[in-house]
Amino acid sequence: MKRRLTTRQVVLAGLMGALLMVLKEVLAPVPGVEPVTLLVILYALELPVLAPWAVAVFVVLEFVLYGFGMWSWMYLYIWLVPIAAARLLHRLDSALGWAAVSGAYGLVFGALCTPVYLLTQGPGGALAWWLAGIPTDVGHCIGNFFVMLLLYRPLRRVLHRIAAQT
């Protein structure tokens, strides 16, 4: 039987999702720099039960702020990829290793979004959309790499302390 989330965990997951949204919006003017990948990976490593709920809150907030469009379909699955990566690689405890994982995710972000375009615009439309986004993906890769490299250790320590209290 699965254990239900406590009230404290529900509130914490909501705050974690809201933090994703706020930091994404605050850093939106800086090209290629987004803290969402960093935090989603760290959430999955330190608070694995709450990570999918935090992502769900983030996605709902995105829909509320930006409405529902083609990109919305991608957001229903795209942020589960770093959670899966973190669960698969949970024994990795290297800032450089996680920076490589985070950078790789940024580099393939556009490719991971193409199934929606494949279904709606066919192979040619999906390929054109993906190729046009490669410069953005390269920037996303570089930004993700350095954000993770710089913030992995301090933020993991903070989340580890939070996890110990839940």
Protein backbone atom coordinates (compact mmCIF):
# COMPACT_ATOMS: atom_id res chain seq x y z
CA MET A 1 0.00 0.00 0.00
CA LYS A 2 1.36 3.41 -0.93
CA ARG A 3 1.81 5.95 1.79
CA ARG A 4 -0.06 9.20 1.35
CA LEU A 5 1.72 12.52 1.36
CA THR A 6 1.61 14.42 4.61
CA THR A 7 0.28 17.97 4.72
CA ARG A 8 3.86 19.17 5.16
CA GLN A 9 4.94 17.28 2.02
CA VAL A 10 2.05 18.66 -0.03
CA VAL A 11 2.94 22.21 1.02
CA LEU A 12 6.64 21.59 0.36
CA ALA A 13 5.93 20.17 -3.12
CA GLY A 14 3.81 23.25 -3.87
CA LEU A 15 6.58 25.56 -2.73
CA MET A 16 9.15 23.61 -4.73
CA GLY A 17 7.02 23.94 -7.88
CA ALA A 18 6.45 27.64 -7.25
CA LEU A 19 10.19 28.14 -6.79
CA LEU A 20 10.79 26.54 -10.19
CA MET A 21 8.36 29.00 -11.76
CA VAL A 22 9.68 32.10 -9.99
CA LEU A 23 13.33 31.36 -10.75
CA LYS A 24 12.54 30.53 -14.37
CA GLU A 25 10.77 33.86 -14.80
CA VAL A 26 13.43 35.88 -12.97
CA LEU A 27 16.21 34.42 -15.12
CA ALA A 28 14.23 34.44 -18.39
CA PRO A 29 16.04 37.55 -19.71
CA VAL A 30 19.40 35.73 -19.48
CA PRO A 31 19.74 33.58 -22.64
CA GLY A 32 20.43 29.90 -21.98
CA VAL A 33 20.29 30.22 -18.20
CA GLU A 34 17.44 28.42 -16.51
CA PRO A 35 17.53 26.87 -13.05
CA VAL A 36 14.67 24.45 -13.68
CA THR A 37 16.84 21.54 -14.85
CA LEU A 38 19.20 22.00 -11.89
CA LEU A 39 16.39 22.03 -9.35
CA VAL A 40 14.37 19.23 -10.91
CA ILE A 41 17.44 16.97 -10.81
CA LEU A 42 18.23 17.96 -7.23
CA TYR A 43 14.60 17.52 -6.18
CA ALA A 44 14.66 14.02 -7.69
CA LEU A 45 17.89 13.18 -5.88
CA GLU A 46 16.99 14.51 -2.45
CA LEU A 47 13.17 14.50 -2.39
CA PRO A 48 12.27 11.82 -4.94
CA VAL A 49 8.67 11.38 -3.78
CA LEU A 50 7.98 15.11 -4.06
CA ALA A 51 9.83 15.81 -7.32
CA PRO A 52 7.01 14.76 -9.69
CA TRP A 53 4.50 16.75 -7.64
CA ALA A 54 6.73 19.84 -7.74
CA VAL A 55 7.02 19.46 -11.52
CA ALA A 56 3.23 19.12 -11.77
CA VAL A 57 2.79 22.38 -9.84
CA PHE A 58 5.35 24.06 -12.11
CA VAL A 59 3.61 22.84 -15.28
CA VAL A 60 0.18 23.96 -14.05
CA LEU A 61 1.61 27.39 -13.19
CA GLU A 62 3.11 27.59 -16.70
CA PHE A 63 -0.33 26.84 -18.17
CA VAL A 64 -1.95 29.47 -15.94
CA LEU A 65 0.64 32.11 -16.86
CA TYR A 66 1.02 31.37 -20.57
CA GLY A 67 -2.17 29.57 -21.54
CA PHE A 68 -2.34 26.31 -23.40
CA GLY A 69 -0.58 25.93 -26.75
CA MET A 70 1.50 23.49 -28.75
CA TRP A 71 4.34 23.76 -26.22
CA SER A 72 1.95 22.63 -23.45
CA TRP A 73 1.91 19.06 -24.73
CA MET A 74 5.69 18.90 -24.38
CA TYR A 75 5.57 20.16 -20.82
CA LEU A 76 3.39 17.20 -19.90
CA TYR A 77 6.44 14.93 -20.32
CA ILE A 78 9.62 16.95 -20.87
CA TRP A 79 10.35 17.67 -17.20
CA LEU A 80 9.94 14.03 -16.25
CA VAL A 81 13.10 13.25 -18.26
CA PRO A 82 15.53 14.84 -15.75
CA ILE A 83 13.65 13.11 -12.92
CA ALA A 84 14.17 9.78 -14.68
CA ALA A 85 17.84 10.59 -15.31
CA ALA A 86 18.34 11.47 -11.66
CA ARG A 87 16.71 8.25 -10.53
CA LEU A 88 18.83 6.20 -12.93
CA LEU A 89 22.06 7.97 -11.96
CA HIS A 90 21.26 8.55 -8.27
CA ARG A 91 24.64 7.16 -7.14
CA LEU A 92 26.51 9.84 -9.10
CA ASP A 93 27.77 12.49 -6.68
CA SER A 94 29.97 14.63 -8.87
CA ALA A 95 29.26 18.24 -9.76
CA LEU A 96 31.08 17.72 -13.05
CA GLY A 97 29.13 14.54 -13.79
CA TRP A 98 25.79 16.20 -13.09
CA ALA A 99 26.89 19.25 -15.10
CA ALA A 100 27.47 16.91 -18.06
CA VAL A 101 24.03 15.31 -17.57
CA SER A 102 22.36 18.71 -17.26
CA GLY A 103 24.21 20.06 -20.29
CA ALA A 104 23.25 17.00 -22.33
CA TYR A 105 19.61 17.52 -21.36
CA GLY A 106 19.82 21.13 -22.56
CA LEU A 107 21.35 19.98 -25.83
CA VAL A 108 18.63 17.41 -26.54
CA PHE A 109 15.75 19.51 -25.21
CA GLY A 110 14.56 20.47 -28.69
CA ALA A 111 14.83 16.89 -29.93
CA LEU A 112 12.75 15.74 -26.96
CA CYS A 113 10.06 18.23 -27.97
CA THR A 114 9.83 17.04 -31.58
CA PRO A 115 7.25 14.26 -31.05
CA VAL A 116 4.55 16.92 -30.68
CA TYR A 117 5.60 18.52 -33.96
CA LEU A 118 5.91 15.13 -35.63
CA LEU A 119 2.27 14.44 -34.77
CA THR A 120 1.01 17.90 -35.74
CA GLN A 121 3.25 18.93 -38.65
CA GLY A 122 4.71 15.69 -39.96
CA PRO A 123 8.36 14.67 -40.28
CA GLY A 124 9.38 17.73 -42.30
CA GLY A 125 7.82 20.16 -39.85
CA ALA A 126 9.35 18.36 -36.86
CA LEU A 127 12.79 18.33 -38.46
CA ALA A 128 12.58 22.01 -39.44
CA TRP A 129 11.44 22.97 -35.94
CA TRP A 130 14.25 20.98 -34.31
CA LEU A 131 16.98 22.28 -36.64
CA ALA A 132 15.86 25.88 -36.17
CA GLY A 133 16.16 25.43 -32.41
CA ILE A 134 19.68 23.97 -32.33
CA PRO A 135 21.37 27.32 -31.51
CA THR A 136 18.98 27.71 -28.57
CA ASP A 137 19.70 24.13 -27.47
CA VAL A 138 23.46 24.80 -27.57
CA GLY A 139 22.95 27.86 -25.36
CA HIS A 140 20.72 25.82 -23.09
CA CYS A 141 23.44 23.15 -22.89
CA ILE A 142 26.14 25.65 -21.92
CA GLY A 143 23.90 27.41 -19.41
CA ASN A 144 22.76 24.15 -17.82
CA PHE A 145 26.34 22.89 -17.58
CA PHE A 146 27.67 25.93 -15.74
CA VAL A 147 24.61 26.46 -13.51
CA MET A 148 24.86 22.83 -12.35
CA LEU A 149 28.63 22.97 -11.99
CA LEU A 150 28.43 26.07 -9.77
CA LEU A 151 25.33 25.30 -7.73
CA TYR A 152 25.18 21.50 -7.45
CA ARG A 153 27.07 21.17 -4.15
CA PRO A 154 25.57 24.06 -2.16
CA LEU A 155 21.99 23.42 -3.27
CA ARG A 156 22.25 19.67 -2.77
CA ARG A 157 23.38 20.28 0.83
CA VAL A 158 20.40 22.57 1.45
CA LEU A 159 17.93 20.11 -0.06
CA HIS A 160 19.52 17.25 1.88
CA ARG A 161 18.81 19.14 5.12
CA ILE A 162 15.25 19.84 4.03
CA ALA A 163 14.76 16.18 3.10
CA ALA A 164 16.00 15.11 6.53
CA GLN A 165 13.22 17.20 8.13
CA THR A 166 10.37 15.79 6.04
